[in-house]
N, C-alpha and C. Protein backbone atom coordinates (compact mmCIF):
# COMPACT_ATOMS: atom_id res chain seq x y z
N MET A 1 7.39 11.93 34.32
CA MET A 1 7.90 11.51 33.03
C MET A 1 9.27 12.15 32.82
N SER A 2 10.27 11.31 32.51
CA SER A 2 11.61 11.84 32.31
C SER A 2 11.72 12.50 30.95
N LYS A 3 12.55 13.54 30.89
CA LYS A 3 12.74 14.24 29.63
C LYS A 3 13.94 13.67 28.91
N GLY A 4 13.69 13.10 27.75
CA GLY A 4 14.76 12.59 26.92
C GLY A 4 14.85 13.44 25.67
N PRO A 5 15.69 13.06 24.75
CA PRO A 5 15.80 13.83 23.50
C PRO A 5 14.53 13.68 22.67
N ALA A 6 14.22 14.70 21.88
CA ALA A 6 13.09 14.63 20.96
C ALA A 6 13.55 13.91 19.70
N ILE A 7 12.67 13.10 19.15
CA ILE A 7 12.96 12.42 17.89
C ILE A 7 12.02 12.94 16.82
N GLY A 8 12.44 12.81 15.60
CA GLY A 8 11.59 13.16 14.47
C GLY A 8 11.26 11.90 13.70
N ILE A 9 10.00 11.76 13.31
CA ILE A 9 9.56 10.57 12.57
C ILE A 9 9.06 11.01 11.20
N ASP A 10 9.62 10.42 10.17
CA ASP A 10 9.12 10.62 8.81
C ASP A 10 8.21 9.43 8.54
N LEU A 11 6.91 9.67 8.59
CA LEU A 11 5.95 8.60 8.36
C LEU A 11 5.61 8.58 6.88
N GLY A 12 6.26 7.71 6.14
CA GLY A 12 6.09 7.65 4.70
C GLY A 12 5.02 6.66 4.28
N THR A 13 4.59 6.78 3.05
CA THR A 13 3.58 5.87 2.51
C THR A 13 4.11 4.45 2.46
N THR A 14 5.38 4.30 2.04
CA THR A 14 5.94 2.96 1.89
C THR A 14 7.01 2.64 2.94
N TYR A 15 7.78 3.64 3.34
CA TYR A 15 8.82 3.46 4.36
C TYR A 15 8.79 4.60 5.34
N SER A 16 9.18 4.33 6.57
CA SER A 16 9.27 5.34 7.61
C SER A 16 10.68 5.31 8.20
N SER A 17 11.08 6.43 8.79
CA SER A 17 12.37 6.46 9.47
C SER A 17 12.29 7.40 10.66
N VAL A 18 13.26 7.24 11.56
CA VAL A 18 13.29 8.02 12.79
C VAL A 18 14.68 8.63 12.93
N GLY A 19 14.73 9.90 13.29
CA GLY A 19 16.01 10.57 13.50
C GLY A 19 16.02 11.31 14.81
N VAL A 20 17.23 11.58 15.32
CA VAL A 20 17.40 12.35 16.55
C VAL A 20 18.54 13.33 16.33
N PHE A 21 18.39 14.54 16.86
CA PHE A 21 19.45 15.55 16.74
C PHE A 21 20.37 15.40 17.93
N GLN A 22 21.60 14.99 17.66
CA GLN A 22 22.61 14.89 18.73
C GLN A 22 24.00 15.03 18.12
N HIS A 23 24.93 15.49 18.93
CA HIS A 23 26.31 15.73 18.48
C HIS A 23 26.35 16.69 17.29
N GLY A 24 25.44 17.66 17.30
CA GLY A 24 25.45 18.70 16.28
C GLY A 24 24.89 18.31 14.93
N LYS A 25 24.27 17.12 14.83
CA LYS A 25 23.69 16.72 13.55
C LYS A 25 22.55 15.74 13.79
N VAL A 26 21.76 15.52 12.74
CA VAL A 26 20.67 14.54 12.82
C VAL A 26 21.23 13.16 12.52
N GLU A 27 20.95 12.23 13.40
CA GLU A 27 21.37 10.85 13.19
C GLU A 27 20.12 9.99 13.03
N VAL A 28 20.08 9.22 11.96
CA VAL A 28 18.95 8.31 11.74
C VAL A 28 19.14 7.10 12.63
N ILE A 29 18.09 6.72 13.32
CA ILE A 29 18.14 5.60 14.27
C ILE A 29 17.77 4.32 13.53
N ALA A 30 18.64 3.32 13.62
CA ALA A 30 18.37 2.04 12.98
C ALA A 30 17.28 1.30 13.75
N ASN A 31 16.49 0.49 13.04
CA ASN A 31 15.47 -0.32 13.70
C ASN A 31 16.07 -1.61 14.25
N ASP A 32 15.23 -2.51 14.73
CA ASP A 32 15.73 -3.74 15.34
C ASP A 32 16.37 -4.69 14.32
N GLN A 33 16.21 -4.39 13.02
CA GLN A 33 16.86 -5.18 11.98
C GLN A 33 18.14 -4.48 11.48
N GLU A 34 18.52 -3.38 12.18
CA GLU A 34 19.69 -2.57 11.82
C GLU A 34 19.51 -1.81 10.50
N ASN A 35 18.26 -1.59 10.09
CA ASN A 35 17.97 -0.83 8.88
C ASN A 35 17.57 0.59 9.25
N GLN A 36 17.92 1.56 8.39
CA GLN A 36 17.58 2.95 8.67
C GLN A 36 16.17 3.32 8.22
N THR A 37 15.54 2.46 7.45
CA THR A 37 14.13 2.66 7.10
C THR A 37 13.35 1.41 7.48
N THR A 38 12.08 1.62 7.78
CA THR A 38 11.19 0.53 8.18
C THR A 38 9.98 0.53 7.26
N PRO A 39 9.63 -0.60 6.66
CA PRO A 39 8.43 -0.63 5.83
C PRO A 39 7.20 -0.16 6.61
N SER A 40 6.39 0.66 6.00
CA SER A 40 5.16 1.16 6.64
C SER A 40 4.05 0.12 6.49
N TYR A 41 4.24 -0.99 7.18
CA TYR A 41 3.33 -2.14 7.12
C TYR A 41 2.93 -2.55 8.53
N VAL A 42 1.68 -2.96 8.67
CA VAL A 42 1.20 -3.59 9.90
C VAL A 42 0.40 -4.82 9.48
N THR A 43 0.70 -5.96 10.09
CA THR A 43 -0.05 -7.18 9.81
C THR A 43 -0.64 -7.71 11.10
N PHE A 44 -1.91 -8.11 11.03
CA PHE A 44 -2.61 -8.66 12.19
C PHE A 44 -2.71 -10.17 12.03
N THR A 45 -2.39 -10.89 13.08
CA THR A 45 -2.53 -12.35 13.07
C THR A 45 -3.51 -12.75 14.18
N ASP A 46 -3.72 -14.03 14.34
CA ASP A 46 -4.60 -14.50 15.42
C ASP A 46 -4.01 -14.19 16.79
N ALA A 47 -2.69 -14.01 16.85
CA ALA A 47 -2.04 -13.86 18.15
C ALA A 47 -1.41 -12.50 18.39
N GLU A 48 -1.01 -11.80 17.32
CA GLU A 48 -0.24 -10.57 17.55
C GLU A 48 -0.38 -9.58 16.40
N ARG A 49 0.17 -8.39 16.66
CA ARG A 49 0.24 -7.32 15.65
C ARG A 49 1.72 -7.17 15.29
N LEU A 50 2.05 -7.33 14.02
CA LEU A 50 3.42 -7.22 13.55
C LEU A 50 3.61 -5.91 12.80
N ILE A 51 4.82 -5.33 12.88
CA ILE A 51 5.10 -4.08 12.18
C ILE A 51 6.38 -4.20 11.37
N GLY A 52 6.55 -3.31 10.40
CA GLY A 52 7.78 -3.22 9.65
C GLY A 52 8.09 -4.46 8.84
N GLU A 53 9.39 -4.87 8.89
CA GLU A 53 9.83 -6.04 8.12
C GLU A 53 9.05 -7.29 8.50
N ALA A 54 8.80 -7.48 9.79
CA ALA A 54 8.07 -8.67 10.24
C ALA A 54 6.68 -8.72 9.63
N ALA A 55 6.03 -7.56 9.51
CA ALA A 55 4.71 -7.49 8.89
C ALA A 55 4.78 -7.75 7.40
N LYS A 56 5.73 -7.10 6.74
CA LYS A 56 5.86 -7.24 5.28
C LYS A 56 6.22 -8.67 4.88
N ASN A 57 6.97 -9.36 5.73
CA ASN A 57 7.36 -10.73 5.44
C ASN A 57 6.20 -11.71 5.46
N GLN A 58 5.04 -11.27 5.95
CA GLN A 58 3.84 -12.13 6.01
C GLN A 58 3.04 -12.12 4.71
N VAL A 59 3.56 -11.43 3.69
CA VAL A 59 2.77 -11.21 2.47
C VAL A 59 2.25 -12.50 1.84
N ALA A 60 3.04 -13.56 1.87
CA ALA A 60 2.59 -14.82 1.25
C ALA A 60 1.59 -15.57 2.11
N MET A 61 1.64 -15.33 3.44
CA MET A 61 0.80 -16.11 4.36
C MET A 61 -0.45 -15.39 4.84
N ASN A 62 -0.39 -14.06 4.91
CA ASN A 62 -1.46 -13.34 5.60
C ASN A 62 -1.75 -12.00 4.93
N SER A 63 -1.80 -11.97 3.61
CA SER A 63 -1.97 -10.70 2.91
C SER A 63 -3.34 -10.07 3.16
N THR A 64 -4.33 -10.87 3.55
CA THR A 64 -5.68 -10.32 3.76
C THR A 64 -5.76 -9.48 5.04
N ASN A 65 -4.80 -9.60 5.93
CA ASN A 65 -4.78 -8.80 7.16
C ASN A 65 -3.55 -7.91 7.22
N MET A 66 -3.04 -7.55 6.05
CA MET A 66 -1.83 -6.73 5.95
C MET A 66 -2.22 -5.32 5.53
N VAL A 67 -1.87 -4.34 6.35
CA VAL A 67 -2.18 -2.95 6.06
C VAL A 67 -0.92 -2.26 5.57
N PHE A 68 -1.01 -1.66 4.39
CA PHE A 68 0.09 -0.89 3.81
C PHE A 68 -0.53 0.19 2.92
N ASP A 69 0.24 1.21 2.59
CA ASP A 69 -0.24 2.32 1.76
C ASP A 69 -1.46 3.03 2.35
N ALA A 70 -1.69 2.87 3.64
CA ALA A 70 -2.88 3.47 4.27
C ALA A 70 -2.89 4.99 4.15
N LYS A 71 -1.70 5.58 4.07
CA LYS A 71 -1.60 7.03 3.97
C LYS A 71 -2.29 7.55 2.70
N ARG A 72 -2.37 6.70 1.69
CA ARG A 72 -3.01 7.11 0.43
C ARG A 72 -4.51 7.35 0.60
N LEU A 73 -5.10 6.80 1.65
CA LEU A 73 -6.54 6.93 1.87
C LEU A 73 -6.92 8.15 2.69
N ILE A 74 -5.95 8.74 3.39
CA ILE A 74 -6.25 9.84 4.31
C ILE A 74 -6.86 11.02 3.54
N GLY A 75 -7.99 11.51 4.04
CA GLY A 75 -8.65 12.67 3.46
C GLY A 75 -9.50 12.38 2.24
N ARG A 76 -9.63 11.13 1.86
CA ARG A 76 -10.44 10.78 0.69
C ARG A 76 -11.81 10.25 1.11
N ARG A 77 -12.74 10.25 0.15
CA ARG A 77 -14.07 9.67 0.35
C ARG A 77 -14.06 8.26 -0.21
N PHE A 78 -14.91 7.40 0.35
CA PHE A 78 -14.98 6.01 -0.11
C PHE A 78 -15.40 5.91 -1.58
N ASP A 79 -16.27 6.83 -2.02
CA ASP A 79 -16.74 6.77 -3.42
C ASP A 79 -15.79 7.45 -4.40
N ASP A 80 -14.68 7.98 -3.91
CA ASP A 80 -13.64 8.56 -4.76
C ASP A 80 -13.18 7.50 -5.76
N ALA A 81 -13.03 7.87 -7.03
CA ALA A 81 -12.64 6.91 -8.08
C ALA A 81 -11.31 6.24 -7.75
N ILE A 82 -10.39 6.98 -7.16
CA ILE A 82 -9.08 6.42 -6.81
C ILE A 82 -9.22 5.36 -5.72
N VAL A 83 -10.04 5.64 -4.71
CA VAL A 83 -10.27 4.67 -3.63
C VAL A 83 -10.96 3.43 -4.20
N GLN A 84 -11.93 3.64 -5.06
CA GLN A 84 -12.63 2.50 -5.67
C GLN A 84 -11.67 1.64 -6.48
N SER A 85 -10.74 2.27 -7.16
CA SER A 85 -9.73 1.53 -7.91
C SER A 85 -8.83 0.74 -6.95
N ASP A 86 -8.49 1.36 -5.81
CA ASP A 86 -7.65 0.69 -4.81
C ASP A 86 -8.35 -0.54 -4.23
N THR A 87 -9.68 -0.49 -4.09
CA THR A 87 -10.40 -1.61 -3.47
C THR A 87 -10.29 -2.88 -4.32
N LYS A 88 -10.04 -2.72 -5.61
CA LYS A 88 -9.90 -3.90 -6.48
C LYS A 88 -8.63 -4.67 -6.16
N HIS A 89 -7.61 -3.95 -5.70
CA HIS A 89 -6.32 -4.58 -5.40
C HIS A 89 -6.11 -4.78 -3.90
N TRP A 90 -6.95 -4.13 -3.11
CA TRP A 90 -6.74 -4.11 -1.67
C TRP A 90 -8.09 -4.30 -0.98
N PRO A 91 -8.49 -5.55 -0.73
CA PRO A 91 -9.84 -5.84 -0.24
C PRO A 91 -10.11 -5.37 1.20
N LEU A 92 -9.08 -4.86 1.88
CA LEU A 92 -9.28 -4.41 3.27
C LEU A 92 -10.07 -3.12 3.36
N ILE A 93 -10.19 -2.39 2.25
CA ILE A 93 -10.84 -1.09 2.28
C ILE A 93 -12.35 -1.26 2.23
N VAL A 94 -13.02 -0.71 3.22
CA VAL A 94 -14.48 -0.74 3.28
C VAL A 94 -14.98 0.68 3.54
N GLY A 95 -16.28 0.89 3.30
CA GLY A 95 -16.86 2.20 3.56
C GLY A 95 -17.59 2.22 4.89
N ASN A 96 -18.06 3.42 5.28
CA ASN A 96 -18.88 3.53 6.48
C ASN A 96 -20.02 4.50 6.22
N ASP A 97 -20.84 4.73 7.23
CA ASP A 97 -22.02 5.59 7.06
C ASP A 97 -21.68 7.00 6.64
N ALA A 98 -20.51 7.48 7.05
CA ALA A 98 -20.11 8.85 6.73
C ALA A 98 -19.46 8.95 5.34
N GLY A 99 -19.34 7.81 4.65
CA GLY A 99 -18.77 7.82 3.31
C GLY A 99 -17.25 7.90 3.29
N ARG A 100 -16.63 7.60 4.42
CA ARG A 100 -15.17 7.64 4.49
C ARG A 100 -14.62 6.22 4.41
N PRO A 101 -13.43 6.06 3.80
CA PRO A 101 -12.85 4.71 3.75
C PRO A 101 -12.31 4.28 5.10
N LYS A 102 -12.47 2.99 5.39
CA LYS A 102 -11.91 2.39 6.59
C LYS A 102 -11.12 1.16 6.17
N VAL A 103 -10.20 0.76 7.02
CA VAL A 103 -9.44 -0.46 6.79
C VAL A 103 -9.98 -1.50 7.75
N GLN A 104 -10.31 -2.68 7.23
CA GLN A 104 -10.91 -3.74 8.06
C GLN A 104 -10.01 -4.97 8.07
N VAL A 105 -9.72 -5.46 9.28
CA VAL A 105 -8.86 -6.64 9.44
C VAL A 105 -9.45 -7.58 10.48
N GLU A 106 -8.97 -8.81 10.47
CA GLU A 106 -9.30 -9.79 11.51
C GLU A 106 -8.12 -9.83 12.48
N TYR A 107 -8.40 -9.62 13.75
CA TYR A 107 -7.34 -9.60 14.76
C TYR A 107 -7.80 -10.33 16.01
N LYS A 108 -7.08 -11.39 16.36
CA LYS A 108 -7.42 -12.21 17.52
C LYS A 108 -8.87 -12.67 17.47
N GLY A 109 -9.31 -13.10 16.28
CA GLY A 109 -10.65 -13.65 16.11
C GLY A 109 -11.76 -12.62 16.02
N GLU A 110 -11.43 -11.34 16.00
CA GLU A 110 -12.45 -10.29 15.90
C GLU A 110 -12.22 -9.44 14.67
N THR A 111 -13.32 -8.91 14.11
CA THR A 111 -13.21 -7.97 12.99
C THR A 111 -13.01 -6.58 13.55
N LYS A 112 -11.93 -5.93 13.13
CA LYS A 112 -11.63 -4.56 13.58
C LYS A 112 -11.60 -3.67 12.35
N SER A 113 -12.14 -2.47 12.47
CA SER A 113 -12.03 -1.52 11.37
C SER A 113 -11.67 -0.16 11.93
N PHE A 114 -10.86 0.58 11.16
CA PHE A 114 -10.41 1.88 11.63
C PHE A 114 -10.09 2.78 10.44
N TYR A 115 -10.19 4.09 10.68
CA TYR A 115 -9.81 5.07 9.67
C TYR A 115 -8.29 5.12 9.59
N PRO A 116 -7.73 5.35 8.41
CA PRO A 116 -6.26 5.39 8.31
C PRO A 116 -5.64 6.46 9.21
N GLU A 117 -6.33 7.60 9.36
CA GLU A 117 -5.76 8.65 10.22
C GLU A 117 -5.82 8.26 11.70
N GLU A 118 -6.80 7.42 12.09
CA GLU A 118 -6.85 6.91 13.46
C GLU A 118 -5.62 6.02 13.71
N ALA A 119 -5.33 5.17 12.74
CA ALA A 119 -4.18 4.27 12.91
C ALA A 119 -2.91 5.08 13.08
N THR A 120 -2.76 6.16 12.28
CA THR A 120 -1.58 7.01 12.35
C THR A 120 -1.47 7.70 13.71
N LYS A 121 -2.58 8.26 14.17
CA LYS A 121 -2.60 8.98 15.45
C LYS A 121 -2.33 8.04 16.61
N ASP A 122 -2.97 6.86 16.57
CA ASP A 122 -2.81 5.92 17.68
C ASP A 122 -1.44 5.27 17.73
N ALA A 123 -0.76 5.22 16.58
CA ALA A 123 0.53 4.54 16.53
C ALA A 123 1.52 5.14 17.53
N GLY A 124 1.54 6.46 17.62
CA GLY A 124 2.44 7.12 18.58
C GLY A 124 2.08 6.79 20.01
N THR A 125 0.80 6.77 20.30
CA THR A 125 0.34 6.46 21.66
C THR A 125 0.68 5.02 22.02
N ILE A 126 0.44 4.08 21.07
CA ILE A 126 0.76 2.67 21.31
C ILE A 126 2.24 2.50 21.59
N ALA A 127 3.07 3.31 20.89
CA ALA A 127 4.52 3.23 21.07
C ALA A 127 5.00 3.97 22.32
N GLY A 128 4.07 4.61 23.05
CA GLY A 128 4.44 5.32 24.27
C GLY A 128 5.08 6.67 24.02
N LEU A 129 4.79 7.28 22.87
CA LEU A 129 5.39 8.57 22.54
C LEU A 129 4.49 9.72 22.93
N ASN A 130 5.10 10.85 23.23
CA ASN A 130 4.39 12.09 23.51
C ASN A 130 4.64 13.02 22.34
N ALA A 131 3.64 13.21 21.48
CA ALA A 131 3.82 14.04 20.29
C ALA A 131 3.96 15.50 20.68
N LEU A 132 5.11 16.08 20.40
CA LEU A 132 5.37 17.48 20.72
C LEU A 132 4.81 18.40 19.64
N ARG A 133 4.98 17.99 18.40
CA ARG A 133 4.55 18.83 17.29
C ARG A 133 4.43 17.97 16.04
N ILE A 134 3.45 18.29 15.20
CA ILE A 134 3.34 17.67 13.90
C ILE A 134 3.67 18.75 12.88
N ILE A 135 4.67 18.47 12.05
CA ILE A 135 5.14 19.44 11.07
C ILE A 135 4.82 18.88 9.69
N ASN A 136 4.22 19.73 8.83
CA ASN A 136 3.93 19.23 7.49
C ASN A 136 5.25 18.99 6.75
N GLU A 137 5.18 18.13 5.75
CA GLU A 137 6.38 17.64 5.08
C GLU A 137 7.24 18.73 4.43
N PRO A 138 6.64 19.70 3.69
CA PRO A 138 7.51 20.71 3.08
C PRO A 138 8.25 21.57 4.10
N THR A 139 7.56 21.90 5.21
CA THR A 139 8.23 22.68 6.25
C THR A 139 9.34 21.88 6.90
N ALA A 140 9.08 20.59 7.14
CA ALA A 140 10.12 19.73 7.72
C ALA A 140 11.34 19.65 6.79
N ALA A 141 11.08 19.55 5.48
CA ALA A 141 12.20 19.51 4.52
C ALA A 141 12.98 20.82 4.54
N ALA A 142 12.27 21.95 4.62
CA ALA A 142 12.94 23.25 4.66
C ALA A 142 13.81 23.38 5.90
N ILE A 143 13.30 22.90 7.03
CA ILE A 143 14.08 22.94 8.28
C ILE A 143 15.28 22.01 8.17
N ALA A 144 15.08 20.82 7.59
CA ALA A 144 16.17 19.84 7.46
C ALA A 144 17.34 20.41 6.67
N TYR A 145 17.04 21.23 5.67
CA TYR A 145 18.11 21.83 4.86
C TYR A 145 18.50 23.22 5.37
N SER A 146 18.05 23.57 6.59
CA SER A 146 18.40 24.84 7.25
C SER A 146 18.09 26.05 6.39
N LEU A 147 17.01 25.97 5.61
CA LEU A 147 16.66 27.10 4.75
C LEU A 147 16.29 28.34 5.56
N ASP A 148 15.82 28.11 6.79
CA ASP A 148 15.49 29.26 7.64
C ASP A 148 16.75 30.06 7.99
N GLU A 149 17.91 29.43 7.99
CA GLU A 149 19.17 30.11 8.30
C GLU A 149 19.88 30.61 7.04
N LYS A 150 19.70 29.92 5.93
CA LYS A 150 20.42 30.24 4.69
C LYS A 150 19.76 31.35 3.89
N VAL A 151 18.46 31.55 4.10
CA VAL A 151 17.72 32.54 3.32
C VAL A 151 17.57 33.80 4.16
N GLY A 152 18.10 34.91 3.64
CA GLY A 152 18.03 36.17 4.38
C GLY A 152 16.75 36.92 4.10
N ALA A 153 16.76 37.65 2.96
CA ALA A 153 15.57 38.42 2.58
C ALA A 153 14.46 37.46 2.16
N GLU A 154 13.25 38.00 2.03
CA GLU A 154 12.11 37.15 1.66
C GLU A 154 12.36 36.44 0.34
N ARG A 155 12.14 35.12 0.33
CA ARG A 155 12.34 34.31 -0.87
C ARG A 155 11.20 33.32 -1.01
N ASN A 156 10.87 33.02 -2.25
CA ASN A 156 9.94 31.93 -2.54
C ASN A 156 10.77 30.70 -2.83
N VAL A 157 10.36 29.56 -2.29
CA VAL A 157 11.09 28.32 -2.45
C VAL A 157 10.11 27.23 -2.86
N LEU A 158 10.51 26.42 -3.86
CA LEU A 158 9.71 25.27 -4.26
C LEU A 158 10.36 24.03 -3.66
N ILE A 159 9.59 23.24 -2.95
CA ILE A 159 10.09 22.02 -2.35
C ILE A 159 9.25 20.86 -2.88
N PHE A 160 9.93 19.80 -3.34
CA PHE A 160 9.18 18.62 -3.75
C PHE A 160 9.71 17.40 -3.03
N ASP A 161 8.81 16.49 -2.75
CA ASP A 161 9.12 15.25 -2.05
C ASP A 161 8.53 14.12 -2.89
N LEU A 162 9.43 13.39 -3.57
CA LEU A 162 8.99 12.26 -4.39
C LEU A 162 9.33 11.00 -3.62
N GLY A 163 8.30 10.41 -3.02
CA GLY A 163 8.50 9.24 -2.16
C GLY A 163 8.09 7.95 -2.85
N GLY A 164 7.96 6.91 -2.06
CA GLY A 164 7.60 5.60 -2.57
C GLY A 164 6.17 5.53 -3.05
N GLY A 165 5.30 6.36 -2.49
CA GLY A 165 3.89 6.31 -2.86
C GLY A 165 3.28 7.66 -3.17
N THR A 166 3.89 8.74 -2.69
CA THR A 166 3.27 10.05 -2.79
C THR A 166 4.25 11.08 -3.34
N PHE A 167 3.74 11.98 -4.16
CA PHE A 167 4.53 13.08 -4.70
C PHE A 167 3.92 14.37 -4.17
N ASP A 168 4.69 15.14 -3.40
CA ASP A 168 4.23 16.41 -2.83
C ASP A 168 5.05 17.56 -3.39
N VAL A 169 4.39 18.66 -3.71
CA VAL A 169 5.06 19.88 -4.14
C VAL A 169 4.46 21.03 -3.36
N SER A 170 5.33 21.90 -2.81
CA SER A 170 4.85 23.07 -2.08
C SER A 170 5.68 24.30 -2.43
N ILE A 171 5.01 25.44 -2.44
CA ILE A 171 5.68 26.73 -2.58
C ILE A 171 5.64 27.39 -1.21
N LEU A 172 6.81 27.73 -0.66
CA LEU A 172 6.92 28.37 0.64
C LEU A 172 7.54 29.75 0.47
N THR A 173 7.13 30.67 1.32
CA THR A 173 7.83 31.94 1.45
C THR A 173 8.60 31.87 2.75
N ILE A 174 9.88 32.21 2.69
CA ILE A 174 10.73 32.20 3.88
C ILE A 174 11.25 33.61 4.11
N GLU A 175 11.04 34.13 5.31
CA GLU A 175 11.56 35.45 5.67
C GLU A 175 11.84 35.48 7.16
N ASP A 176 13.06 35.85 7.52
CA ASP A 176 13.46 35.95 8.92
C ASP A 176 13.17 34.66 9.70
N GLY A 177 13.44 33.52 9.10
CA GLY A 177 13.27 32.25 9.78
C GLY A 177 11.84 31.77 9.89
N ILE A 178 10.89 32.50 9.26
CA ILE A 178 9.47 32.13 9.31
C ILE A 178 9.07 31.52 7.97
N PHE A 179 8.42 30.36 8.03
CA PHE A 179 7.93 29.69 6.83
C PHE A 179 6.44 29.95 6.67
N GLU A 180 6.05 30.30 5.45
CA GLU A 180 4.62 30.42 5.15
C GLU A 180 4.34 29.63 3.89
N ILE A 181 3.44 28.64 3.99
CA ILE A 181 3.10 27.82 2.83
C ILE A 181 2.09 28.59 1.98
N LYS A 182 2.47 28.87 0.73
CA LYS A 182 1.61 29.61 -0.19
C LYS A 182 0.71 28.67 -0.99
N SER A 183 1.24 27.52 -1.37
CA SER A 183 0.46 26.60 -2.18
C SER A 183 1.06 25.20 -2.04
N THR A 184 0.19 24.22 -2.11
CA THR A 184 0.67 22.84 -2.02
C THR A 184 -0.20 21.95 -2.90
N ALA A 185 0.41 20.91 -3.45
CA ALA A 185 -0.32 19.94 -4.26
C ALA A 185 0.26 18.57 -3.97
N ARG A 186 -0.57 17.54 -4.12
CA ARG A 186 -0.14 16.19 -3.77
C ARG A 186 -0.83 15.19 -4.68
N ASP A 187 -0.06 14.19 -5.08
CA ASP A 187 -0.64 13.05 -5.78
C ASP A 187 -0.23 11.82 -5.00
N THR A 188 -1.21 11.18 -4.36
CA THR A 188 -0.91 10.02 -3.50
C THR A 188 -0.71 8.74 -4.29
N HIS A 189 -0.80 8.83 -5.61
CA HIS A 189 -0.59 7.65 -6.46
C HIS A 189 0.45 7.94 -7.53
N LEU A 190 1.47 8.70 -7.15
CA LEU A 190 2.57 9.01 -8.07
C LEU A 190 3.88 8.95 -7.29
N GLY A 191 4.32 7.73 -7.04
CA GLY A 191 5.58 7.53 -6.33
C GLY A 191 6.34 6.38 -6.95
N GLY A 192 7.42 6.00 -6.33
CA GLY A 192 8.25 4.92 -6.84
C GLY A 192 7.49 3.64 -7.11
N GLN A 193 6.55 3.30 -6.20
CA GLN A 193 5.74 2.09 -6.40
C GLN A 193 4.94 2.17 -7.68
N ASP A 194 4.42 3.38 -7.97
CA ASP A 194 3.60 3.55 -9.15
C ASP A 194 4.44 3.49 -10.42
N PHE A 195 5.68 3.97 -10.35
CA PHE A 195 6.59 3.84 -11.49
C PHE A 195 6.85 2.35 -11.73
N ASP A 196 7.08 1.62 -10.64
CA ASP A 196 7.33 0.17 -10.77
C ASP A 196 6.13 -0.53 -11.41
N ASN A 197 4.93 -0.17 -10.95
CA ASN A 197 3.72 -0.81 -11.46
C ASN A 197 3.51 -0.48 -12.93
C-alpha cells in the first residue's frame, strides 16, 4: 500500500467535508461537483447507491430509500421519545431485538437494514480508506485553531460546534499541548435545520 497524504473528514449531520494539510495549511478538497461540502445523504435505488448531491437530488423520486440525518440516531434507543418523534417524519427507522434503532431501505430488490454507526464505519472501508485515527469534534476543533500551540500554562477552554443538525459543547483543559475533555454535552436536534423547521 502506497503512503499518500492523510486527509481529515468532518462527518456532519447534514454536510460533510474533506481537508488535507499541504503547503503549510489545510486545504478543503472539492467534491466531484466542485463544492467544498457534500450533503450527508445516501440514496438506494434498484440499480445503485448514490451519495451527496446525487442522493439528495432524488428527494422527489425516491425519498423512501433516502438516508439522511442518520448521525442523530447514533447512541440512542429505539424507544427514546426523540427517535419515536423522528419515525413520524422518517419511516426508514425501525427497531430491533436489542432495542436499538436501525435504518431500513430497499436496495437492488432486497430489504437491507443497518445501524447508523455501522453505516458510518463502513463508509470509510467502502471508499477504500485506512482510518488512522478518529478524533472527537471538540479536540479536532482545538487542533484546527492550534490551541495546543497558543495556550502555554494550563487553561480551560469552552468549544462549541453549532452545525446543521447537532449542537456540541465541550470544556477542555489544555496544558503543554495535551487536551483533556472535562465535560461535554450534545443536542442532536438543535442545529440549523431545526431553526429552519
